[in-house]
Amino acid sequence: MTTETRHGIPVYACPAEGAPLRDGADALEVVGAALGAGAELVVLPVERLTGDFFRLRSGVAGEIAQKFVNYRLRLAVVGDIAGHLADSAPLRDFVRESNRGRQLWFLASPAELDERLRKTV
């Protein structure tokens, strides 16, 4: 995991390979590392999330997102989630609403993240 400054924002970037975030406890490990590195935003590749995250009924997405909110860290999930979106209208709504805010974003690529960060500075 690396920390870098992107558009003036300290960003903690998780690698695609590594243990998946299955629940709030796993999220807390990332939160602790990001806070220790002085980050304001965590970039999490979609590969690090389990299928349960994208099944909103499971509660995993809410549990993980809440850990980041509690510690005032923003979270950007980066990668292709089109397959998950095609299967779930509630997930499409969740992603759309999340992307309207500043706390949790779902972005297709690092370039899309950079564009979003550039606009928020």
PDB file of N, CA and C in Angstrom:
ATOM      1  N   MET A   1       0.837  -1.166   0.000  1.00  0.00           N
ATOM      2  CA  MET A   1       0.000   0.000   0.000  1.00  0.00           C
ATOM      3  C   MET A   1       0.887   1.236   0.000  1.00  0.00           C
ATOM      4  N   THR A   2       0.480   2.210  -0.767  1.00  0.00           N
ATOM      5  CA  THR A   2       1.295   3.395  -0.894  1.00  0.00           C
ATOM      6  C   THR A   2       0.468   4.643  -0.623  1.00  0.00           C
ATOM      7  N   THR A   3       1.158   5.686  -0.186  1.00  0.00           N
ATOM      8  CA  THR A   3       0.519   6.980   0.007  1.00  0.00           C
ATOM      9  C   THR A   3       1.138   7.955  -0.969  1.00  0.00           C
ATOM     10  N   GLU A   4       0.278   8.741  -1.606  1.00  0.00           N
ATOM     11  CA  GLU A   4       0.738   9.745  -2.551  1.00  0.00           C
ATOM     12  C   GLU A   4      -0.201  10.938  -2.468  1.00  0.00           C
ATOM     13  N   THR A   5       0.262  12.070  -2.937  1.00  0.00           N
ATOM     14  CA  THR A   5      -0.586  13.253  -2.981  1.00  0.00           C
ATOM     15  C   THR A   5      -1.083  13.424  -4.399  1.00  0.00           C
ATOM     16  N   ARG A   6      -2.406  13.461  -4.538  1.00  0.00           N
ATOM     17  CA  ARG A   6      -3.029  13.623  -5.854  1.00  0.00           C
ATOM     18  C   ARG A   6      -3.937  14.842  -5.778  1.00  0.00           C
ATOM     19  N   HIS A   7      -3.611  15.831  -6.581  1.00  0.00           N
ATOM     20  CA  HIS A   7      -4.384  17.068  -6.609  1.00  0.00           C
ATOM     21  C   HIS A   7      -4.489  17.674  -5.211  1.00  0.00           C
ATOM     22  N   GLY A   8      -3.398  17.585  -4.461  1.00  0.00           N
ATOM     23  CA  GLY A   8      -3.332  18.170  -3.131  1.00  0.00           C
ATOM     24  C   GLY A   8      -3.973  17.341  -2.031  1.00  0.00           C
ATOM     25  N   ILE A   9      -4.428  16.149  -2.333  1.00  0.00           N
ATOM     26  CA  ILE A   9      -5.115  15.295  -1.366  1.00  0.00           C
ATOM     27  C   ILE A   9      -4.245  14.072  -1.064  1.00  0.00           C
ATOM     28  N   PRO A  10      -3.943  13.837   0.213  1.00  0.00           N
ATOM     29  CA  PRO A  10      -3.188  12.631   0.566  1.00  0.00           C
ATOM     30  C   PRO A  10      -4.040  11.381   0.323  1.00  0.00           C
ATOM     31  N   VAL A  11      -3.538  10.502  -0.527  1.00  0.00           N
ATOM     32  CA  VAL A  11      -4.281   9.324  -0.968  1.00  0.00           C
ATOM     33  C   VAL A  11      -3.519   8.063  -0.572  1.00  0.00           C
ATOM     34  N   TYR A  12      -4.245   7.143   0.033  1.00  0.00           N
ATOM     35  CA  TYR A  12      -3.696   5.841   0.392  1.00  0.00           C
ATOM     36  C   TYR A  12      -4.213   4.843  -0.639  1.00  0.00           C
ATOM     37  N   ALA A  13      -3.332   4.324  -1.461  1.00  0.00           N
ATOM     38  CA  ALA A  13      -3.723   3.432  -2.561  1.00  0.00           C
ATOM     39  C   ALA A  13      -3.434   1.984  -2.193  1.00  0.00           C
ATOM     40  N   CYS A  14      -4.474   1.188  -2.128  1.00  0.00           N
ATOM     41  CA  CYS A  14      -4.331  -0.242  -1.849  1.00  0.00           C
ATOM     42  C   CYS A  14      -4.028  -0.973  -3.156  1.00  0.00           C
ATOM     43  N   PRO A  15      -3.175  -1.969  -3.120  1.00  0.00           N
ATOM     44  CA  PRO A  15      -2.920  -2.748  -4.331  1.00  0.00           C
ATOM     45  C   PRO A  15      -4.092  -3.677  -4.628  1.00  0.00           C
ATOM     46  N   ALA A  16      -4.220  -4.075  -5.883  1.00  0.00           N
ATOM     47  CA  ALA A  16      -5.293  -4.987  -6.277  1.00  0.00           C
ATOM     48  C   ALA A  16      -5.122  -6.359  -5.628  1.00  0.00           C
ATOM     49  N   GLU A  17      -3.881  -6.789  -5.470  1.00  0.00           N
ATOM     50  CA  GLU A  17      -3.651  -8.072  -4.823  1.00  0.00           C
ATOM     51  C   GLU A  17      -3.596  -7.838  -3.313  1.00  0.00           C
ATOM     52  N   GLY A  18      -4.097  -8.788  -2.601  1.00  0.00           N
ATOM     53  CA  GLY A  18      -4.125  -8.661  -1.149  1.00  0.00           C
ATOM     54  C   GLY A  18      -5.417  -9.221  -0.602  1.00  0.00           C
ATOM     55  N   ALA A  19      -5.508  -9.257   0.700  1.00  0.00           N
ATOM     56  CA  ALA A  19      -6.682  -9.827   1.356  1.00  0.00           C
ATOM     57  C   ALA A  19      -7.922  -9.002   1.032  1.00  0.00           C
ATOM     58  N   PRO A  20      -9.024  -9.676   0.741  1.00  0.00           N
ATOM     59  CA  PRO A  20     -10.260  -8.938   0.456  1.00  0.00           C
ATOM     60  C   PRO A  20     -10.848  -8.329   1.726  1.00  0.00           C
ATOM     61  N   LEU A  21     -11.586  -7.270   1.549  1.00  0.00           N
ATOM     62  CA  LEU A  21     -12.320  -6.677   2.658  1.00  0.00           C
ATOM     63  C   LEU A  21     -13.673  -7.385   2.716  1.00  0.00           C
ATOM     64  N   ARG A  22     -13.834  -8.209   3.723  1.00  0.00           N
ATOM     65  CA  ARG A  22     -15.047  -9.017   3.851  1.00  0.00           C
ATOM     66  C   ARG A  22     -16.058  -8.404   4.820  1.00  0.00           C
ATOM     67  N   ASP A  23     -15.545  -7.542   5.728  1.00  0.00           N
ATOM     68  CA  ASP A  23     -16.422  -6.997   6.761  1.00  0.00           C
ATOM     69  C   ASP A  23     -15.785  -5.754   7.378  1.00  0.00           C
ATOM     70  N   GLY A  24     -16.431  -5.242   8.412  1.00  0.00           N
ATOM     71  CA  GLY A  24     -15.945  -4.037   9.067  1.00  0.00           C
ATOM     72  C   GLY A  24     -14.575  -4.195   9.692  1.00  0.00           C
ATOM     73  N   ALA A  25     -14.280  -5.380  10.212  1.00  0.00           N
ATOM     74  CA  ALA A  25     -12.962  -5.606  10.816  1.00  0.00           C
ATOM     75  C   ALA A  25     -11.858  -5.475   9.777  1.00  0.00           C
ATOM     76  N   ASP A  26     -12.084  -6.027   8.596  1.00  0.00           N
ATOM     77  CA  ASP A  26     -11.100  -5.893   7.521  1.00  0.00           C
ATOM     78  C   ASP A  26     -10.958  -4.433   7.110  1.00  0.00           C
ATOM     79  N   ALA A  27     -12.081  -3.725   7.063  1.00  0.00           N
ATOM     80  CA  ALA A  27     -12.041  -2.302   6.709  1.00  0.00           C
ATOM     81  C   ALA A  27     -11.247  -1.515   7.741  1.00  0.00           C
ATOM     82  N   LEU A  28     -11.399  -1.868   9.013  1.00  0.00           N
ATOM     83  CA  LEU A  28     -10.664  -1.153  10.065  1.00  0.00           C
ATOM     84  C   LEU A  28      -9.159  -1.294   9.917  1.00  0.00           C
ATOM     85  N   GLU A  29      -8.700  -2.428   9.414  1.00  0.00           N
ATOM     86  CA  GLU A  29      -7.264  -2.587   9.182  1.00  0.00           C
ATOM     87  C   GLU A  29      -6.775  -1.582   8.151  1.00  0.00           C
ATOM     88  N   VAL A  30      -7.538  -1.404   7.087  1.00  0.00           N
ATOM     89  CA  VAL A  30      -7.180  -0.432   6.052  1.00  0.00           C
ATOM     90  C   VAL A  30      -7.299   0.981   6.603  1.00  0.00           C
ATOM     91  N   VAL A  31      -8.345   1.254   7.353  1.00  0.00           N
ATOM     92  CA  VAL A  31      -8.537   2.576   7.955  1.00  0.00           C
ATOM     93  C   VAL A  31      -7.342   2.929   8.841  1.00  0.00           C
ATOM     94  N   GLY A  32      -6.931   1.998   9.683  1.00  0.00           N
ATOM     95  CA  GLY A  32      -5.794   2.248  10.577  1.00  0.00           C
ATOM     96  C   GLY A  32      -4.520   2.543   9.817  1.00  0.00           C
ATOM     97  N   ALA A  33      -4.261   1.778   8.781  1.00  0.00           N
ATOM     98  CA  ALA A  33      -3.061   2.007   7.981  1.00  0.00           C
ATOM     99  C   ALA A  33      -3.134   3.351   7.265  1.00  0.00           C
ATOM    100  N   ALA A  34      -4.299   3.686   6.735  1.00  0.00           N
ATOM    101  CA  ALA A  34      -4.460   4.950   6.017  1.00  0.00           C
ATOM    102  C   ALA A  34      -4.312   6.141   6.959  1.00  0.00           C
ATOM    103  N   LEU A  35      -4.908   6.056   8.135  1.00  0.00           N
ATOM    104  CA  LEU A  35      -4.772   7.144   9.099  1.00  0.00           C
ATOM    105  C   LEU A  35      -3.324   7.292   9.548  1.00  0.00           C
ATOM    106  N   GLY A  36      -2.656   6.164   9.754  1.00  0.00           N
ATOM    107  CA  GLY A  36      -1.242   6.197  10.133  1.00  0.00           C
ATOM    108  C   GLY A  36      -0.371   6.849   9.074  1.00  0.00           C
ATOM    109  N   ALA A  37      -0.808   6.763   7.822  1.00  0.00           N
ATOM    110  CA  ALA A  37      -0.067   7.355   6.713  1.00  0.00           C
ATOM    111  C   ALA A  37      -0.498   8.798   6.439  1.00  0.00           C
ATOM    112  N   GLY A  38      -1.482   9.293   7.198  1.00  0.00           N
ATOM    113  CA  GLY A  38      -1.933  10.669   7.018  1.00  0.00           C
ATOM    114  C   GLY A  38      -2.845  10.886   5.828  1.00  0.00           C
ATOM    115  N   ALA A  39      -3.496   9.836   5.360  1.00  0.00           N
ATOM    116  CA  ALA A  39      -4.348   9.937   4.176  1.00  0.00           C
ATOM    117  C   ALA A  39      -5.713  10.535   4.507  1.00  0.00           C
ATOM    118  N   GLU A  40      -6.326  11.122   3.497  1.00  0.00           N
ATOM    119  CA  GLU A  40      -7.703  11.610   3.577  1.00  0.00           C
ATOM    120  C   GLU A  40      -8.630  10.769   2.709  1.00  0.00           C
ATOM    121  N   LEU A  41      -8.047  10.075   1.746  1.00  0.00           N
ATOM    122  CA  LEU A  41      -8.811   9.274   0.793  1.00  0.00           C
ATOM    123  C   LEU A  41      -8.130   7.928   0.621  1.00  0.00           C
ATOM    124  N   VAL A  42      -8.930   6.865   0.635  1.00  0.00           N
ATOM    125  CA  VAL A  42      -8.421   5.519   0.377  1.00  0.00           C
ATOM    126  C   VAL A  42      -8.926   5.087  -0.988  1.00  0.00           C
ATOM    127  N   VAL A  43      -8.017   4.615  -1.827  1.00  0.00           N
ATOM    128  CA  VAL A  43      -8.380   4.069  -3.133  1.00  0.00           C
ATOM    129  C   VAL A  43      -8.312   2.554  -3.017  1.00  0.00           C
ATOM    130  N   LEU A  44      -9.457   1.934  -3.238  1.00  0.00           N
ATOM    131  CA  LEU A  44      -9.565   0.489  -3.087  1.00  0.00           C
ATOM    132  C   LEU A  44      -9.964  -0.130  -4.416  1.00  0.00           C
ATOM    133  N   PRO A  45      -9.089  -0.941  -5.006  1.00  0.00           N
ATOM    134  CA  PRO A  45      -9.463  -1.630  -6.245  1.00  0.00           C
ATOM    135  C   PRO A  45     -10.640  -2.567  -6.010  1.00  0.00           C
ATOM    136  N   VAL A  46     -11.527  -2.626  -6.960  1.00  0.00           N
ATOM    137  CA  VAL A  46     -12.722  -3.454  -6.845  1.00  0.00           C
ATOM    138  C   VAL A  46     -12.363  -4.922  -6.592  1.00  0.00           C
ATOM    139  N   GLU A  47     -11.205  -5.348  -7.024  1.00  0.00           N
ATOM    140  CA  GLU A  47     -10.765  -6.731  -6.818  1.00  0.00           C
ATOM    141  C   GLU A  47     -10.632  -7.079  -5.338  1.00  0.00           C
ATOM    142  N   ARG A  48     -10.518  -6.092  -4.483  1.00  0.00           N
ATOM    143  CA  ARG A  48     -10.351  -6.335  -3.046  1.00  0.00           C
ATOM    144  C   ARG A  48     -11.686  -6.507  -2.321  1.00  0.00           C
ATOM    145  N   LEU A  49     -12.801  -6.411  -3.061  1.00  0.00           N
ATOM    146  CA  LEU A  49     -14.122  -6.562  -2.457  1.00  0.00           C
ATOM    147  C   LEU A  49     -14.735  -7.902  -2.845  1.00  0.00           C
ATOM    148  N   THR A  50     -15.451  -8.494  -1.926  1.00  0.00           N
ATOM    149  CA  THR A  50     -16.114  -9.764  -2.204  1.00  0.00           C
ATOM    150  C   THR A  50     -17.469  -9.513  -2.858  1.00  0.00           C
ATOM    151  N   GLY A  51     -18.053 -10.552  -3.395  1.00  0.00           N
ATOM    152  CA  GLY A  51     -19.374 -10.438  -4.001  1.00  0.00           C
ATOM    153  C   GLY A  51     -20.430  -9.952  -3.023  1.00  0.00           C
ATOM    154  N   ASP A  52     -20.267 -10.282  -1.738  1.00  0.00           N
ATOM    155  CA  ASP A  52     -21.229  -9.821  -0.737  1.00  0.00           C
ATOM    156  C   ASP A  52     -21.309  -8.302  -0.662  1.00  0.00           C
ATOM    157  N   PHE A  53     -20.210  -7.623  -0.922  1.00  0.00           N
ATOM    158  CA  PHE A  53     -20.228  -6.160  -0.903  1.00  0.00           C
ATOM    159  C   PHE A  53     -21.267  -5.631  -1.884  1.00  0.00           C
ATOM    160  N   PHE A  54     -21.388  -6.278  -3.026  1.00  0.00           N
ATOM    161  CA  PHE A  54     -22.277  -5.799  -4.085  1.00  0.00           C
ATOM    162  C   PHE A  54     -23.704  -6.340  -3.959  1.00  0.00           C
ATOM    163  N   ARG A  55     -23.941  -7.202  -2.996  1.00  0.00           N
ATOM    164  CA  ARG A  55     -25.297  -7.648  -2.662  1.00  0.00           C
ATOM    165  C   ARG A  55     -25.721  -6.848  -1.440  1.00  0.00           C
ATOM    166  N   LEU A  56     -26.431  -5.761  -1.669  1.00  0.00           N
ATOM    167  CA  LEU A  56     -26.724  -4.816  -0.596  1.00  0.00           C
ATOM    168  C   LEU A  56     -27.461  -5.455   0.573  1.00  0.00           C
ATOM    169  N   ARG A  57     -28.238  -6.478   0.307  1.00  0.00           N
ATOM    170  CA  ARG A  57     -28.961  -7.169   1.392  1.00  0.00           C
ATOM    171  C   ARG A  57     -28.026  -7.759   2.434  1.00  0.00           C
ATOM    172  N   SER A  58     -26.811  -8.058   2.035  1.00  0.00           N
ATOM    173  CA  SER A  58     -25.856  -8.661   2.967  1.00  0.00           C
ATOM    174  C   SER A  58     -25.421  -7.686   4.054  1.00  0.00           C
ATOM    175  N   GLY A  59     -25.500  -6.392   3.775  1.00  0.00           N
ATOM    176  CA  GLY A  59     -25.078  -5.378   4.736  1.00  0.00           C
ATOM    177  C   GLY A  59     -23.589  -5.091   4.726  1.00  0.00           C
ATOM    178  N   VAL A  60     -22.830  -5.822   3.933  1.00  0.00           N
ATOM    179  CA  VAL A  60     -21.375  -5.660   3.925  1.00  0.00           C
ATOM    180  C   VAL A  60     -20.970  -4.279   3.410  1.00  0.00           C
ATOM    181  N   ALA A  61     -21.597  -3.810   2.347  1.00  0.00           N
ATOM    182  CA  ALA A  61     -21.241  -2.489   1.803  1.00  0.00           C
ATOM    183  C   ALA A  61     -21.468  -1.408   2.846  1.00  0.00           C
ATOM    184  N   GLY A  62     -22.590  -1.458   3.513  1.00  0.00           N
ATOM    185  CA  GLY A  62     -22.881  -0.467   4.543  1.00  0.00           C
ATOM    186  C   GLY A  62     -21.921  -0.539   5.708  1.00  0.00           C
ATOM    187  N   GLU A  63     -21.594  -1.747   6.118  1.00  0.00           N
ATOM    188  CA  GLU A  63     -20.668  -1.935   7.235  1.00  0.00           C
ATOM    189  C   GLU A  63     -19.281  -1.381   6.900  1.00  0.00           C
ATOM    190  N   ILE A  64     -18.801  -1.699   5.714  1.00  0.00           N
ATOM    191  CA  ILE A  64     -17.478  -1.222   5.305  1.00  0.00           C
ATOM    192  C   ILE A  64     -17.487   0.288   5.121  1.00  0.00           C
ATOM    193  N   ALA A  65     -18.474   0.806   4.423  1.00  0.00           N
ATOM    194  CA  ALA A  65     -18.550   2.254   4.200  1.00  0.00           C
ATOM    195  C   ALA A  65     -18.628   3.002   5.522  1.00  0.00           C
ATOM    196  N   GLN A  66     -19.383   2.469   6.478  1.00  0.00           N
ATOM    197  CA  GLN A  66     -19.547   3.148   7.759  1.00  0.00           C
ATOM    198  C   GLN A  66     -18.225   3.276   8.511  1.00  0.00           C
ATOM    199  N   LYS A  67     -17.354   2.293   8.393  1.00  0.00           N
ATOM    200  CA  LYS A  67     -16.048   2.385   9.064  1.00  0.00           C
ATOM    201  C   LYS A  67     -15.257   3.580   8.531  1.00  0.00           C
ATOM    202  N   PHE A  68     -15.303   3.802   7.229  1.00  0.00           N
ATOM    203  CA  PHE A  68     -14.592   4.935   6.652  1.00  0.00           C
ATOM    204  C   PHE A  68     -15.234   6.252   7.082  1.00  0.00           C
ATOM    205  N   VAL A  69     -16.543   6.297   7.108  1.00  0.00           N
ATOM    206  CA  VAL A  69     -17.261   7.505   7.555  1.00  0.00           C
ATOM    207  C   VAL A  69     -16.911   7.814   9.003  1.00  0.00           C
ATOM    208  N   ASN A  70     -16.927   6.800   9.860  1.00  0.00           N
ATOM    209  CA  ASN A  70     -16.649   7.004  11.285  1.00  0.00           C
ATOM    210  C   ASN A  70     -15.290   7.644  11.523  1.00  0.00           C
ATOM    211  N   TYR A  71     -14.330   7.317  10.673  1.00  0.00           N
ATOM    212  CA  TYR A  71     -12.980   7.841  10.846  1.00  0.00           C
ATOM    213  C   TYR A  71     -12.677   8.993   9.889  1.00  0.00           C
ATOM    214  N   ARG A  72     -13.716   9.516   9.277  1.00  0.00           N
ATOM    215  CA  ARG A  72     -13.615  10.675   8.383  1.00  0.00           C
ATOM    216  C   ARG A  72     -12.617  10.476   7.248  1.00  0.00           C
ATOM    217  N   LEU A  73     -12.644   9.280   6.702  1.00  0.00           N
ATOM    218  CA  LEU A  73     -11.843   8.964   5.523  1.00  0.00           C
ATOM    219  C   LEU A  73     -12.780   8.787   4.342  1.00  0.00           C
ATOM    220  N   ARG A  74     -12.401   9.334   3.225  1.00  0.00           N
ATOM    221  CA  ARG A  74     -13.173   9.100   2.009  1.00  0.00           C
ATOM    222  C   ARG A  74     -12.685   7.800   1.378  1.00  0.00           C
ATOM    223  N   LEU A  75     -13.589   7.169   0.631  1.00  0.00           N
ATOM    224  CA  LEU A  75     -13.272   5.897  -0.012  1.00  0.00           C
ATOM    225  C   LEU A  75     -13.646   5.965  -1.474  1.00  0.00           C
ATOM    226  N   ALA A  76     -12.713   5.573  -2.333  1.00  0.00           N
ATOM    227  CA  ALA A  76     -12.973   5.457  -3.766  1.00  0.00           C
ATOM    228  C   ALA A  76     -12.740   4.010  -4.169  1.00  0.00           C
ATOM    229  N   VAL A  77     -13.806   3.365  -4.623  1.00  0.00           N
ATOM    230  CA  VAL A  77     -13.716   2.008  -5.158  1.00  0.00           C
ATOM    231  C   VAL A  77     -13.470   2.167  -6.655  1.00  0.00           C
ATOM    232  N   VAL A  78     -12.336   1.646  -7.120  1.00  0.00           N
ATOM    233  CA  VAL A  78     -11.939   1.856  -8.509  1.00  0.00           C
ATOM    234  C   VAL A  78     -11.893   0.522  -9.257  1.00  0.00           C
ATOM    235  N   GLY A  79     -12.601   0.486 -10.367  1.00  0.00           N
ATOM    236  CA  GLY A  79     -12.619  -0.705 -11.206  1.00  0.00           C
ATOM    237  C   GLY A  79     -13.983  -0.906 -11.839  1.00  0.00           C
ATOM    238  N   ASP A  80     -14.069  -1.936 -12.626  1.00  0.00           N
ATOM    239  CA  ASP A  80     -15.277  -2.226 -13.389  1.00  0.00           C
ATOM    240  C   ASP A  80     -16.293  -2.977 -12.529  1.00  0.00           C
ATOM    241  N   ILE A  81     -17.431  -2.354 -12.285  1.00  0.00           N
ATOM    242  CA  ILE A  81     -18.506  -3.008 -11.539  1.00  0.00           C
ATOM    243  C   ILE A  81     -19.758  -3.159 -12.409  1.00  0.00           C
ATOM    244  N   ALA A  82     -19.594  -3.036 -13.717  1.00  0.00           N
ATOM    245  CA  ALA A  82     -20.737  -3.083 -14.637  1.00  0.00           C
ATOM    246  C   ALA A  82     -21.562  -4.358 -14.477  1.00  0.00           C
ATOM    247  N   GLY A  83     -20.920  -5.485 -14.295  1.00  0.00           N
ATOM    248  CA  GLY A  83     -21.647  -6.737 -14.118  1.00  0.00           C
ATOM    249  C   GLY A  83     -22.530  -6.718 -12.880  1.00  0.00           C
ATOM    250  N   HIS A  84     -22.008  -6.177 -11.797  1.00  0.00           N
ATOM    251  CA  HIS A  84     -22.789  -6.065 -10.565  1.00  0.00           C
ATOM    252  C   HIS A  84     -23.956  -5.099 -10.753  1.00  0.00           C
ATOM    253  N   LEU A  85     -23.693  -4.001 -11.435  1.00  0.00           N
ATOM    254  CA  LEU A  85     -24.741  -2.997 -11.661  1.00  0.00           C
ATOM    255  C   LEU A  85     -25.861  -3.550 -12.532  1.00  0.00           C
ATOM    256  N   ALA A  86     -25.500  -4.346 -13.523  1.00  0.00           N
ATOM    257  CA  ALA A  86     -26.506  -4.916 -14.421  1.00  0.00           C
ATOM    258  C   ALA A  86     -27.463  -5.849 -13.682  1.00  0.00           C
ATOM    259  N   ASP A  87     -26.989  -6.446 -12.597  1.00  0.00           N
ATOM    260  CA  ASP A  87     -27.787  -7.416 -11.855  1.00  0.00           C
ATOM    261  C   ASP A  87     -28.642  -6.822 -10.749  1.00  0.00           C
ATOM    262  N   SER A  88     -28.469  -5.513 -10.440  1.00  0.00           N
ATOM    263  CA  SER A  88     -29.128  -4.990  -9.248  1.00  0.00           C
ATOM    264  C   SER A  88     -29.515  -3.518  -9.374  1.00  0.00           C
ATOM    265  N   ALA A  89     -30.817  -3.264  -9.439  1.00  0.00           N
ATOM    266  CA  ALA A  89     -31.306  -1.879  -9.443  1.00  0.00           C
ATOM    267  C   ALA A  89     -30.971  -1.164  -8.129  1.00  0.00           C
ATOM    268  N   PRO A  90     -31.116  -1.823  -6.962  1.00  0.00           N
ATOM    269  CA  PRO A  90     -30.737  -1.141  -5.718  1.00  0.00           C
ATOM    270  C   PRO A  90     -29.257  -0.746  -5.696  1.00  0.00           C
ATOM    271  N   LEU A  91     -28.387  -1.600  -6.235  1.00  0.00           N
ATOM    272  CA  LEU A  91     -26.965  -1.268  -6.288  1.00  0.00           C
ATOM    273  C   LEU A  91     -26.742  -0.073  -7.205  1.00  0.00           C
ATOM    274  N   ARG A  92     -27.411  -0.030  -8.349  1.00  0.00           N
ATOM    275  CA  ARG A  92     -27.283   1.125  -9.248  1.00  0.00           C
ATOM    276  C   ARG A  92     -27.678   2.404  -8.518  1.00  0.00           C
ATOM    277  N   ASP A  93     -28.758   2.356  -7.746  1.00  0.00           N
ATOM    278  CA  ASP A  93     -29.201   3.521  -6.977  1.00  0.00           C
ATOM    279  C   ASP A  93     -28.158   3.912  -5.924  1.00  0.00           C
ATOM    280  N   PHE A  94     -27.614   2.919  -5.236  1.00  0.00           N
ATOM    281  CA  PHE A  94     -26.607   3.163  -4.206  1.00  0.00           C
ATOM    282  C   PHE A  94     -25.367   3.826  -4.801  1.00  0.00           C
ATOM    283  N   VAL A  95     -24.910   3.315  -5.923  1.00  0.00           N
ATOM    284  CA  VAL A  95     -23.726   3.863  -6.587  1.00  0.00           C
ATOM    285  C   VAL A  95     -24.000   5.287  -7.063  1.00  0.00           C
ATOM    286  N   ARG A  96     -25.153   5.509  -7.668  1.00  0.00           N
ATOM    287  CA  ARG A  96     -25.493   6.842  -8.159  1.00  0.00           C
ATOM    288  C   ARG A  96     -25.524   7.856  -7.003  1.00  0.00           C
ATOM    289  N   GLU A  97     -26.171   7.495  -5.907  1.00  0.00           N
ATOM    290  CA  GLU A  97     -26.249   8.389  -4.749  1.00  0.00           C
ATOM    291  C   GLU A  97     -24.872   8.598  -4.120  1.00  0.00           C
ATOM    292  N   SER A  98     -24.097   7.543  -4.012  1.00  0.00           N
ATOM    293  CA  SER A  98     -22.752   7.669  -3.438  1.00  0.00           C
ATOM    294  C   SER A  98     -21.895   8.618  -4.267  1.00  0.00           C
ATOM    295  N   ASN A  99     -21.975   8.502  -5.573  1.00  0.00           N
ATOM    296  CA  ASN A  99     -21.155   9.328  -6.452  1.00  0.00           C
ATOM    297  C   ASN A  99     -21.566  10.794  -6.448  1.00  0.00           C
ATOM    298  N   ARG A 100     -22.740  11.100  -5.950  1.00  0.00           N
ATOM    299  CA  ARG A 100     -23.172  12.497  -5.822  1.00  0.00           C
ATOM    300  C   ARG A 100     -22.516  13.178  -4.631  1.00  0.00           C
ATOM    301  N   GLY A 101     -22.065  12.388  -3.682  1.00  0.00           N
ATOM    302  CA  GLY A 101     -21.474  12.932  -2.461  1.00  0.00           C
ATOM    303  C   GLY A 101     -19.963  13.021  -2.533  1.00  0.00           C
ATOM    304  N   ARG A 102     -19.366  13.153  -1.364  1.00  0.00           N
ATOM    305  CA  ARG A 102     -17.909  13.273  -1.270  1.00  0.00           C
ATOM    306  C   ARG A 102     -17.276  12.123  -0.495  1.00  0.00           C
ATOM    307  N   GLN A 103     -18.090  11.280   0.145  1.00  0.00           N
ATOM    308  CA  GLN A 103     -17.562  10.272   1.053  1.00  0.00           C
ATOM    309  C   GLN A 103     -17.191   8.958   0.370  1.00  0.00           C
ATOM    310  N   LEU A 104     -18.026   8.497  -0.548  1.00  0.00           N
ATOM    311  CA  LEU A 104     -17.831   7.203  -1.205  1.00  0.00           C
ATOM    312  C   LEU A 104     -18.092   7.353  -2.689  1.00  0.00           C
ATOM    313  N   TRP A 105     -17.085   6.993  -3.472  1.00  0.00           N
ATOM    314  CA  TRP A 105     -17.208   7.058  -4.930  1.00  0.00           C
ATOM    315  C   TRP A 105     -16.948   5.686  -5.525  1.00  0.00           C
ATOM    316  N   PHE A 106     -17.628   5.418  -6.629  1.00  0.00           N
ATOM    317  CA  PHE A 106     -17.367   4.240  -7.449  1.00  0.00           C
ATOM    318  C   PHE A 106     -16.921   4.759  -8.806  1.00  0.00           C
ATOM    319  N   LEU A 107     -15.671   4.476  -9.162  1.00  0.00           N
ATOM    320  CA  LEU A 107     -15.087   5.022 -10.382  1.00  0.00           C
ATOM    321  C   LEU A 107     -14.495   3.894 -11.217  1.00  0.00           C
ATOM    322  N   ALA A 108     -14.616   4.034 -12.513  1.00  0.00           N
ATOM    323  CA  ALA A 108     -14.205   2.964 -13.412  1.00  0.00           C
ATOM    324  C   ALA A 108     -12.690   2.831 -13.552  1.00  0.00           C
ATOM    325  N   SER A 109     -11.957   3.926 -13.367  1.00  0.00           N
ATOM    326  CA  SER A 109     -10.519   3.885 -13.641  1.00  0.00           C
ATOM    327  C   SER A 109      -9.773   4.910 -12.799  1.00  0.00           C
ATOM    328  N   PRO A 110      -8.451   4.754 -12.699  1.00  0.00           N
ATOM    329  CA  PRO A 110      -7.644   5.775 -12.033  1.00  0.00           C
ATOM    330  C   PRO A 110      -7.759   7.144 -12.716  1.00  0.00           C
ATOM    331  N   ALA A 111      -7.913   7.146 -14.029  1.00  0.00           N
ATOM    332  CA  ALA A 111      -8.076   8.420 -14.748  1.00  0.00           C
ATOM    333  C   ALA A 111      -9.363   9.120 -14.321  1.00  0.00           C
ATOM    334  N   GLU A 112     -10.422   8.358 -14.125  1.00  0.00           N
ATOM    335  CA  GLU A 112     -11.688   8.927 -13.660  1.00  0.00           C
ATOM    336  C   GLU A 112     -11.536   9.474 -12.240  1.00  0.00           C
ATOM    337  N   LEU A 113     -10.766   8.787 -11.417  1.00  0.00           N
ATOM    338  CA  LEU A 113     -10.485   9.280 -10.069  1.00  0.00           C
ATOM    339  C   LEU A 113      -9.748  10.603 -10.139  1.00  0.00           C
ATOM    340  N   ASP A 114      -8.708  10.683 -10.964  1.00  0.00           N
ATOM    341  CA  ASP A 114      -7.960  11.938 -11.090  1.00  0.00           C
ATOM    342  C   ASP A 114      -8.853  13.084 -11.542  1.00  0.00           C
ATOM    343  N   GLU A 115      -9.732  12.808 -12.487  1.00  0.00           N
ATOM    344  CA  GLU A 115     -10.647  13.843 -12.966  1.00  0.00           C
ATOM    345  C   GLU A 115     -11.575  14.304 -11.838  1.00  0.00           C
ATOM    346  N   ARG A 116     -12.068  13.375 -11.070  1.00  0.00           N
ATOM    347  CA  ARG A 116     -12.960  13.711  -9.957  1.00  0.00           C
ATOM    348  C   ARG A 116     -12.217  14.512  -8.902  1.00  0.00           C
ATOM    349  N   LEU A 117     -11.003  14.131  -8.580  1.00  0.00           N
ATOM    350  CA  LEU A 117     -10.215  14.866  -7.597  1.00  0.00           C
ATOM    351  C   LEU A 117      -9.884  16.275  -8.108  1.00  0.00           C
ATOM    352  N   ARG A 118      -9.561  16.371  -9.376  1.00  0.00           N
ATOM    353  CA  ARG A 118      -9.231  17.678  -9.956  1.00  0.00           C
ATOM    354  C   ARG A 118     -10.419  18.636  -9.799  1.00  0.00           C
ATOM    355  N   LYS A 119     -11.622  18.128  -9.989  1.00  0.00           N
ATOM    356  CA  LYS A 119     -12.818  18.955  -9.899  1.00  0.00           C
ATOM    357  C   LYS A 119     -13.154  19.359  -8.468  1.00  0.00           C
ATOM    358  N   THR A 120     -12.692  18.594  -7.486  1.00  0.00           N
ATOM    359  CA  THR A 120     -13.035  18.901  -6.092  1.00  0.00           C
ATOM    360  C   THR A 120     -12.043  19.838  -5.437  1.00  0.00           C
ATOM    361  N   VAL A 121     -10.934  20.109  -6.090  1.00  0.00           N
ATOM    362  CA  VAL A 121      -9.908  20.981  -5.493  1.00  0.00           C
ATOM    363  C   VAL A 121     -10.275  22.430  -5.722  1.00  0.00           C
TER     364      VAL A 121
END
